[in-house]
Every structure is written in structure tokens, then in C-alpha cells.
Amino acid sequence: MFQPSMEVTQQAPKTGVKSLTGFVLTGPQKGVILCVLLGLMYLRLYRRKRSQDKICSHCGTRNPPHQTNCKQCSAPLFHK
């Protein structure tokens, strides 16, 4: 039951799809770009929320935009 071993003298060339632009992103690069984009979107939402908050002129406490009086000292809140 002896079988002769086969030698592979030539390997088949890898057939890959070429990019039209010549620029290909790998998996980790896509992950990093996705994380950066999500971070920028979160930062944008955070800054937008902070700009809409009302700050009490009496005690300096930051209040949600839907409130009309300060939650700490009950002073009226005004827009900037």
C-alpha cells in the first residue's frame, strides 16, 4: 500500500478582484475608520446637547432645555 508522493511544481496563481481605484482597505483599517466616524458623531451630538442646555445665572447650574426654572435654586432660566 505504498503510494508515490506527488510534487507540486507549480502553484495556481491567486485570482483576486482588482480594485478600480487601486485603493483597498483591509479589515482593521475599516474598523478604525468606523470607530473614528462613530466617535466624531458622538462628539457632535454631545456638543449639540451641551449648547442647548440652559445655565442658571444665579447659581451656575446646567439645566435641561425643557425646564423653565433652575432645579437647584428655582430661579427662572433664560435663553442665552
PDB file of N, CA and C in Angstrom:
ATOM      1  N   MET A   1       0.820  -1.176   0.000  1.00  0.00           N
ATOM      2  CA  MET A   1       0.000   0.000   0.000  1.00  0.00           C
ATOM      3  C   MET A   1       0.872   1.250   0.000  1.00  0.00           C
ATOM      4  N   PHE A   2       1.906   1.180  -0.750  1.00  0.00           N
ATOM      5  CA  PHE A   2       2.788   2.332  -0.889  1.00  0.00           C
ATOM      6  C   PHE A   2       2.326   3.177  -2.065  1.00  0.00           C
ATOM      7  N   GLN A   3       2.084   4.462  -1.793  1.00  0.00           N
ATOM      8  CA  GLN A   3       1.683   5.366  -2.863  1.00  0.00           C
ATOM      9  C   GLN A   3       2.798   6.373  -3.101  1.00  0.00           C
ATOM     10  N   PRO A   4       3.135   6.605  -4.326  1.00  0.00           N
ATOM     11  CA  PRO A   4       4.184   7.595  -4.596  1.00  0.00           C
ATOM     12  C   PRO A   4       3.675   9.005  -4.272  1.00  0.00           C
ATOM     13  N   SER A   5       4.554   9.807  -3.705  1.00  0.00           N
ATOM     14  CA  SER A   5       4.159  11.171  -3.350  1.00  0.00           C
ATOM     15  C   SER A   5       4.161  12.051  -4.591  1.00  0.00           C
ATOM     16  N   MET A   6       3.262  12.989  -4.581  1.00  0.00           N
ATOM     17  CA  MET A   6       3.165  13.901  -5.717  1.00  0.00           C
ATOM     18  C   MET A   6       3.865  15.204  -5.363  1.00  0.00           C
ATOM     19  N   GLU A   7       4.559  15.741  -6.295  1.00  0.00           N
ATOM     20  CA  GLU A   7       5.205  17.033  -6.096  1.00  0.00           C
ATOM     21  C   GLU A   7       4.406  18.104  -6.815  1.00  0.00           C
ATOM     22  N   VAL A   8       4.220  19.171  -6.122  1.00  0.00           N
ATOM     23  CA  VAL A   8       3.544  20.302  -6.745  1.00  0.00           C
ATOM     24  C   VAL A   8       4.642  21.216  -7.266  1.00  0.00           C
ATOM     25  N   THR A   9       4.758  21.266  -8.547  1.00  0.00           N
ATOM     26  CA  THR A   9       5.830  22.071  -9.132  1.00  0.00           C
ATOM     27  C   THR A   9       5.373  23.489  -9.411  1.00  0.00           C
ATOM     28  N   GLN A  10       4.110  23.660  -9.578  1.00  0.00           N
ATOM     29  CA  GLN A  10       3.624  24.990  -9.900  1.00  0.00           C
ATOM     30  C   GLN A  10       2.324  25.225  -9.137  1.00  0.00           C
ATOM     31  N   GLN A  11       2.303  26.329  -8.395  1.00  0.00           N
ATOM     32  CA  GLN A  11       1.090  26.656  -7.659  1.00  0.00           C
ATOM     33  C   GLN A  11       0.200  27.526  -8.528  1.00  0.00           C
ATOM     34  N   ALA A  12      -1.063  27.333  -8.357  1.00  0.00           N
ATOM     35  CA  ALA A  12      -2.016  28.108  -9.144  1.00  0.00           C
ATOM     36  C   ALA A  12      -1.943  29.574  -8.731  1.00  0.00           C
ATOM     37  N   PRO A  13      -1.955  30.479  -9.670  1.00  0.00           N
ATOM     38  CA  PRO A  13      -1.919  31.905  -9.316  1.00  0.00           C
ATOM     39  C   PRO A  13      -3.223  32.321  -8.633  1.00  0.00           C
ATOM     40  N   LYS A  14      -3.074  33.196  -7.661  1.00  0.00           N
ATOM     41  CA  LYS A  14      -4.253  33.668  -6.937  1.00  0.00           C
ATOM     42  C   LYS A  14      -5.007  34.655  -7.820  1.00  0.00           C
ATOM     43  N   THR A  15      -6.254  34.390  -7.974  1.00  0.00           N
ATOM     44  CA  THR A  15      -7.076  35.289  -8.777  1.00  0.00           C
ATOM     45  C   THR A  15      -7.873  36.165  -7.824  1.00  0.00           C
ATOM     46  N   GLY A  16      -7.479  37.395  -7.716  1.00  0.00           N
ATOM     47  CA  GLY A  16      -8.170  38.335  -6.844  1.00  0.00           C
ATOM     48  C   GLY A  16      -8.846  39.404  -7.676  1.00  0.00           C
ATOM     49  N   VAL A  17      -9.836  39.988  -7.095  1.00  0.00           N
ATOM     50  CA  VAL A  17     -10.546  41.057  -7.781  1.00  0.00           C
ATOM     51  C   VAL A  17      -9.735  42.331  -7.616  1.00  0.00           C
ATOM     52  N   LYS A  18      -9.422  42.961  -8.701  1.00  0.00           N
ATOM     53  CA  LYS A  18      -8.663  44.202  -8.636  1.00  0.00           C
ATOM     54  C   LYS A  18      -9.615  45.366  -8.400  1.00  0.00           C
ATOM     55  N   SER A  19      -9.150  46.296  -7.596  1.00  0.00           N
ATOM     56  CA  SER A  19      -9.947  47.477  -7.316  1.00  0.00           C
ATOM     57  C   SER A  19      -9.852  48.437  -8.495  1.00  0.00           C
ATOM     58  N   LEU A  20     -10.943  49.086  -8.789  1.00  0.00           N
ATOM     59  CA  LEU A  20     -10.946  50.043  -9.890  1.00  0.00           C
ATOM     60  C   LEU A  20     -10.083  51.260  -9.581  1.00  0.00           C
ATOM     61  N   THR A  21     -10.059  51.656  -8.310  1.00  0.00           N
ATOM     62  CA  THR A  21      -9.273  52.828  -7.930  1.00  0.00           C
ATOM     63  C   THR A  21      -7.858  52.466  -7.527  1.00  0.00           C
ATOM     64  N   GLY A  22      -7.603  51.201  -7.270  1.00  0.00           N
ATOM     65  CA  GLY A  22      -6.285  50.788  -6.811  1.00  0.00           C
ATOM     66  C   GLY A  22      -6.097  50.968  -5.317  1.00  0.00           C
ATOM     67  N   PHE A  23      -7.147  51.307  -4.588  1.00  0.00           N
ATOM     68  CA  PHE A  23      -7.077  51.548  -3.153  1.00  0.00           C
ATOM     69  C   PHE A  23      -7.982  50.550  -2.456  1.00  0.00           C
ATOM     70  N   VAL A  24      -7.405  49.688  -1.625  1.00  0.00           N
ATOM     71  CA  VAL A  24      -8.168  48.639  -0.957  1.00  0.00           C
ATOM     72  C   VAL A  24      -7.959  48.778   0.548  1.00  0.00           C
ATOM     73  N   LEU A  25      -9.045  48.740   1.305  1.00  0.00           N
ATOM     74  CA  LEU A  25      -8.963  48.803   2.764  1.00  0.00           C
ATOM     75  C   LEU A  25      -9.035  47.397   3.340  1.00  0.00           C
ATOM     76  N   THR A  26      -8.186  47.138   4.325  1.00  0.00           N
ATOM     77  CA  THR A  26      -8.217  45.843   4.999  1.00  0.00           C
ATOM     78  C   THR A  26      -9.234  45.900   6.142  1.00  0.00           C
ATOM     79  N   GLY A  27      -9.453  44.772   6.784  1.00  0.00           N
ATOM     80  CA  GLY A  27     -10.418  44.697   7.878  1.00  0.00           C
ATOM     81  C   GLY A  27     -10.107  45.625   9.036  1.00  0.00           C
ATOM     82  N   PRO A  28      -8.871  45.607   9.570  1.00  0.00           N
ATOM     83  CA  PRO A  28      -8.562  46.516  10.684  1.00  0.00           C
ATOM     84  C   PRO A  28      -8.672  47.995  10.300  1.00  0.00           C
ATOM     85  N   GLN A  29      -8.324  48.328   9.070  1.00  0.00           N
ATOM     86  CA  GLN A  29      -8.446  49.720   8.633  1.00  0.00           C
ATOM     87  C   GLN A  29      -9.906  50.153   8.604  1.00  0.00           C
ATOM     88  N   LYS A  30     -10.774  49.268   8.157  1.00  0.00           N
ATOM     89  CA  LYS A  30     -12.204  49.579   8.141  1.00  0.00           C
ATOM     90  C   LYS A  30     -12.724  49.764   9.563  1.00  0.00           C
ATOM     91  N   GLY A  31     -12.254  48.925  10.484  1.00  0.00           N
ATOM     92  CA  GLY A  31     -12.678  49.040  11.882  1.00  0.00           C
ATOM     93  C   GLY A  31     -12.247  50.355  12.503  1.00  0.00           C
ATOM     94  N   VAL A  32     -11.013  50.768  12.222  1.00  0.00           N
ATOM     95  CA  VAL A  32     -10.512  52.031  12.770  1.00  0.00           C
ATOM     96  C   VAL A  32     -11.304  53.203  12.198  1.00  0.00           C
ATOM     97  N   ILE A  33     -11.556  53.184  10.904  1.00  0.00           N
ATOM     98  CA  ILE A  33     -12.324  54.268  10.278  1.00  0.00           C
ATOM     99  C   ILE A  33     -13.737  54.323  10.858  1.00  0.00           C
ATOM    100  N   LEU A  34     -14.349  53.168  11.077  1.00  0.00           N
ATOM    101  CA  LEU A  34     -15.688  53.117  11.658  1.00  0.00           C
ATOM    102  C   LEU A  34     -15.692  53.689  13.076  1.00  0.00           C
ATOM    103  N   CYS A  35     -14.691  53.327  13.880  1.00  0.00           N
ATOM    104  CA  CYS A  35     -14.608  53.844  15.252  1.00  0.00           C
ATOM    105  C   CYS A  35     -14.405  55.356  15.263  1.00  0.00           C
ATOM    106  N   VAL A  36     -13.573  55.858  14.369  1.00  0.00           N
ATOM    107  CA  VAL A  36     -13.339  57.303  14.297  1.00  0.00           C
ATOM    108  C   VAL A  36     -14.625  58.028  13.900  1.00  0.00           C
ATOM    109  N   LEU A  37     -15.335  57.501  12.913  1.00  0.00           N
ATOM    110  CA  LEU A  37     -16.583  58.139  12.484  1.00  0.00           C
ATOM    111  C   LEU A  37     -17.637  58.117  13.591  1.00  0.00           C
ATOM    112  N   LEU A  38     -17.754  56.995  14.295  1.00  0.00           N
ATOM    113  CA  LEU A  38     -18.713  56.924  15.401  1.00  0.00           C
ATOM    114  C   LEU A  38     -18.327  57.882  16.524  1.00  0.00           C
ATOM    115  N   GLY A  39     -17.036  58.001  16.795  1.00  0.00           N
ATOM    116  CA  GLY A  39     -16.573  58.944  17.810  1.00  0.00           C
ATOM    117  C   GLY A  39     -16.886  60.382  17.439  1.00  0.00           C
ATOM    118  N   LEU A  40     -16.688  60.733  16.168  1.00  0.00           N
ATOM    119  CA  LEU A  40     -16.999  62.088  15.717  1.00  0.00           C
ATOM    120  C   LEU A  40     -18.494  62.377  15.792  1.00  0.00           C
ATOM    121  N   MET A  41     -19.308  61.389  15.451  1.00  0.00           N
ATOM    122  CA  MET A  41     -20.758  61.579  15.535  1.00  0.00           C
ATOM    123  C   MET A  41     -21.203  61.764  16.986  1.00  0.00           C
ATOM    124  N   TYR A  42     -20.621  60.971  17.904  1.00  0.00           N
ATOM    125  CA  TYR A  42     -20.968  61.105  19.318  1.00  0.00           C
ATOM    126  C   TYR A  42     -20.533  62.471  19.843  1.00  0.00           C
ATOM    127  N   LEU A  43     -19.332  62.905  19.459  1.00  0.00           N
ATOM    128  CA  LEU A  43     -18.836  64.206  19.902  1.00  0.00           C
ATOM    129  C   LEU A  43     -19.733  65.333  19.395  1.00  0.00           C
ATOM    130  N   ARG A  44     -20.208  65.214  18.174  1.00  0.00           N
ATOM    131  CA  ARG A  44     -21.106  66.220  17.601  1.00  0.00           C
ATOM    132  C   ARG A  44     -22.422  66.277  18.374  1.00  0.00           C
ATOM    133  N   LEU A  45     -22.990  65.113  18.679  1.00  0.00           N
ATOM    134  CA  LEU A  45     -24.236  65.084  19.450  1.00  0.00           C
ATOM    135  C   LEU A  45     -24.037  65.629  20.865  1.00  0.00           C
ATOM    136  N   TYR A  46     -22.905  65.298  21.478  1.00  0.00           N
ATOM    137  CA  TYR A  46     -22.612  65.756  22.837  1.00  0.00           C
ATOM    138  C   TYR A  46     -22.487  67.284  22.873  1.00  0.00           C
ATOM    139  N   ARG A  47     -21.759  67.849  21.921  1.00  0.00           N
ATOM    140  CA  ARG A  47     -21.587  69.299  21.874  1.00  0.00           C
ATOM    141  C   ARG A  47     -22.908  70.003  21.579  1.00  0.00           C
ATOM    142  N   ARG A  48     -23.735  69.397  20.725  1.00  0.00           N
ATOM    143  CA  ARG A  48     -25.028  69.990  20.406  1.00  0.00           C
ATOM    144  C   ARG A  48     -25.934  70.000  21.637  1.00  0.00           C
ATOM    145  N   LYS A  49     -25.905  68.900  22.390  1.00  0.00           N
ATOM    146  CA  LYS A  49     -26.719  68.822  23.606  1.00  0.00           C
ATOM    147  C   LYS A  49     -26.251  69.850  24.633  1.00  0.00           C
ATOM    148  N   ARG A  50     -24.934  70.000  24.776  1.00  0.00           N
ATOM    149  CA  ARG A  50     -24.398  70.958  25.745  1.00  0.00           C
ATOM    150  C   ARG A  50     -24.746  72.394  25.372  1.00  0.00           C
ATOM    151  N   SER A  51     -24.803  72.682  24.072  1.00  0.00           N
ATOM    152  CA  SER A  51     -25.110  74.052  23.663  1.00  0.00           C
ATOM    153  C   SER A  51     -26.577  74.390  23.891  1.00  0.00           C
ATOM    154  N   GLN A  52     -27.451  73.396  23.934  1.00  0.00           N
ATOM    155  CA  GLN A  52     -28.877  73.643  24.145  1.00  0.00           C
ATOM    156  C   GLN A  52     -29.248  73.702  25.622  1.00  0.00           C
ATOM    157  N   ASP A  53     -28.356  73.258  26.505  1.00  0.00           N
ATOM    158  CA  ASP A  53     -28.650  73.313  27.935  1.00  0.00           C
ATOM    159  C   ASP A  53     -28.716  74.769  28.399  1.00  0.00           C
ATOM    160  N   LYS A  54     -29.543  75.013  29.394  1.00  0.00           N
ATOM    161  CA  LYS A  54     -29.666  76.354  29.964  1.00  0.00           C
ATOM    162  C   LYS A  54     -28.846  76.409  31.247  1.00  0.00           C
ATOM    163  N   ILE A  55     -28.064  77.464  31.395  1.00  0.00           N
ATOM    164  CA  ILE A  55     -27.237  77.644  32.586  1.00  0.00           C
ATOM    165  C   ILE A  55     -27.883  78.722  33.449  1.00  0.00           C
ATOM    166  N   CYS A  56     -28.045  78.404  34.704  1.00  0.00           N
ATOM    167  CA  CYS A  56     -28.676  79.329  35.642  1.00  0.00           C
ATOM    168  C   CYS A  56     -27.742  80.512  35.898  1.00  0.00           C
ATOM    169  N   SER A  57     -28.282  81.734  35.779  1.00  0.00           N
ATOM    170  CA  SER A  57     -27.461  82.923  36.028  1.00  0.00           C
ATOM    171  C   SER A  57     -27.257  83.155  37.525  1.00  0.00           C
ATOM    172  N   HIS A  58     -28.076  82.514  38.350  1.00  0.00           N
ATOM    173  CA  HIS A  58     -27.991  82.716  39.792  1.00  0.00           C
ATOM    174  C   HIS A  58     -26.955  81.791  40.432  1.00  0.00           C
ATOM    175  N   CYS A  59     -27.042  80.478  40.148  1.00  0.00           N
ATOM    176  CA  CYS A  59     -26.137  79.527  40.810  1.00  0.00           C
ATOM    177  C   CYS A  59     -25.158  78.854  39.848  1.00  0.00           C
ATOM    178  N   GLY A  60     -25.357  79.006  38.531  1.00  0.00           N
ATOM    179  CA  GLY A  60     -24.430  78.430  37.553  1.00  0.00           C
ATOM    180  C   GLY A  60     -24.668  76.967  37.246  1.00  0.00           C
ATOM    181  N   THR A  61     -25.793  76.413  37.654  1.00  0.00           N
ATOM    182  CA  THR A  61     -26.098  75.006  37.412  1.00  0.00           C
ATOM    183  C   THR A  61     -26.602  74.817  35.986  1.00  0.00           C
ATOM    184  N   ARG A  62     -26.161  73.743  35.337  1.00  0.00           N
ATOM    185  CA  ARG A  62     -26.612  73.416  33.981  1.00  0.00           C
ATOM    186  C   ARG A  62     -27.944  72.677  34.084  1.00  0.00           C
ATOM    187  N   ASN A  63     -28.934  73.128  33.304  1.00  0.00           N
ATOM    188  CA  ASN A  63     -30.284  72.568  33.343  1.00  0.00           C
ATOM    189  C   ASN A  63     -30.696  72.094  31.956  1.00  0.00           C
ATOM    190  N   PRO A  64     -31.598  71.102  31.872  1.00  0.00           N
ATOM    191  CA  PRO A  64     -32.096  70.652  30.567  1.00  0.00           C
ATOM    192  C   PRO A  64     -32.857  71.776  29.860  1.00  0.00           C
ATOM    193  N   PRO A  65     -32.934  71.733  28.524  1.00  0.00           N
ATOM    194  CA  PRO A  65     -33.573  72.827  27.784  1.00  0.00           C
ATOM    195  C   PRO A  65     -35.084  72.918  27.979  1.00  0.00           C
ATOM    196  N   HIS A  66     -35.729  71.856  28.471  1.00  0.00           N
ATOM    197  CA  HIS A  66     -37.185  71.891  28.616  1.00  0.00           C
ATOM    198  C   HIS A  66     -37.637  72.537  29.925  1.00  0.00           C
ATOM    199  N   GLN A  67     -36.722  72.800  30.846  1.00  0.00           N
ATOM    200  CA  GLN A  67     -37.116  73.378  32.131  1.00  0.00           C
ATOM    201  C   GLN A  67     -37.160  74.901  32.046  1.00  0.00           C
ATOM    202  N   THR A  68     -38.058  75.497  32.825  1.00  0.00           N
ATOM    203  CA  THR A  68     -38.154  76.956  32.858  1.00  0.00           C
ATOM    204  C   THR A  68     -37.539  77.530  34.122  1.00  0.00           C
ATOM    205  N   ASN A  69     -37.432  76.716  35.187  1.00  0.00           N
ATOM    206  CA  ASN A  69     -36.816  77.156  36.434  1.00  0.00           C
ATOM    207  C   ASN A  69     -35.654  76.235  36.779  1.00  0.00           C
ATOM    208  N   CYS A  70     -34.674  76.779  37.479  1.00  0.00           N
ATOM    209  CA  CYS A  70     -33.496  76.009  37.882  1.00  0.00           C
ATOM    210  C   CYS A  70     -33.907  74.905  38.850  1.00  0.00           C
ATOM    211  N   LYS A  71     -33.325  73.723  38.680  1.00  0.00           N
ATOM    212  CA  LYS A  71     -33.698  72.612  39.557  1.00  0.00           C
ATOM    213  C   LYS A  71     -33.022  72.696  40.920  1.00  0.00           C
ATOM    214  N   GLN A  72     -32.021  73.582  41.076  1.00  0.00           N
ATOM    215  CA  GLN A  72     -31.336  73.695  42.357  1.00  0.00           C
ATOM    216  C   GLN A  72     -31.843  74.888  43.176  1.00  0.00           C
ATOM    217  N   CYS A  73     -31.990  76.048  42.512  1.00  0.00           N
ATOM    218  CA  CYS A  73     -32.370  77.240  43.279  1.00  0.00           C
ATOM    219  C   CYS A  73     -33.716  77.829  42.855  1.00  0.00           C
ATOM    220  N   SER A  74     -34.396  77.237  41.884  1.00  0.00           N
ATOM    221  CA  SER A  74     -35.721  77.653  41.399  1.00  0.00           C
ATOM    222  C   SER A  74     -35.743  79.038  40.769  1.00  0.00           C
ATOM    223  N   ALA A  75     -34.609  79.557  40.377  1.00  0.00           N
ATOM    224  CA  ALA A  75     -34.565  80.848  39.678  1.00  0.00           C
ATOM    225  C   ALA A  75     -35.027  80.646  38.238  1.00  0.00           C
ATOM    226  N   PRO A  76     -35.636  81.659  37.625  1.00  0.00           N
ATOM    227  CA  PRO A  76     -36.074  81.499  36.230  1.00  0.00           C
ATOM    228  C   PRO A  76     -34.875  81.388  35.286  1.00  0.00           C
ATOM    229  N   LEU A  77     -35.033  80.531  34.274  1.00  0.00           N
ATOM    230  CA  LEU A  77     -33.971  80.330  33.290  1.00  0.00           C
ATOM    231  C   LEU A  77     -34.307  81.094  32.021  1.00  0.00           C
ATOM    232  N   PHE A  78     -33.305  81.743  31.444  1.00  0.00           N
ATOM    233  CA  PHE A  78     -33.485  82.489  30.210  1.00  0.00           C
ATOM    234  C   PHE A  78     -32.560  81.931  29.152  1.00  0.00           C
ATOM    235  N   HIS A  79     -32.913  82.168  27.889  1.00  0.00           N
ATOM    236  CA  HIS A  79     -32.030  81.765  26.796  1.00  0.00           C
ATOM    237  C   HIS A  79     -30.812  82.673  26.793  1.00  0.00           C
ATOM    238  N   LYS A  80     -29.778  82.221  26.135  1.00  0.00           N
ATOM    239  CA  LYS A  80     -28.516  82.973  26.100  1.00  0.00           C
ATOM    240  C   LYS A  80     -28.669  84.309  25.440  1.00  0.00           C
TER     241      LYS A  80
END
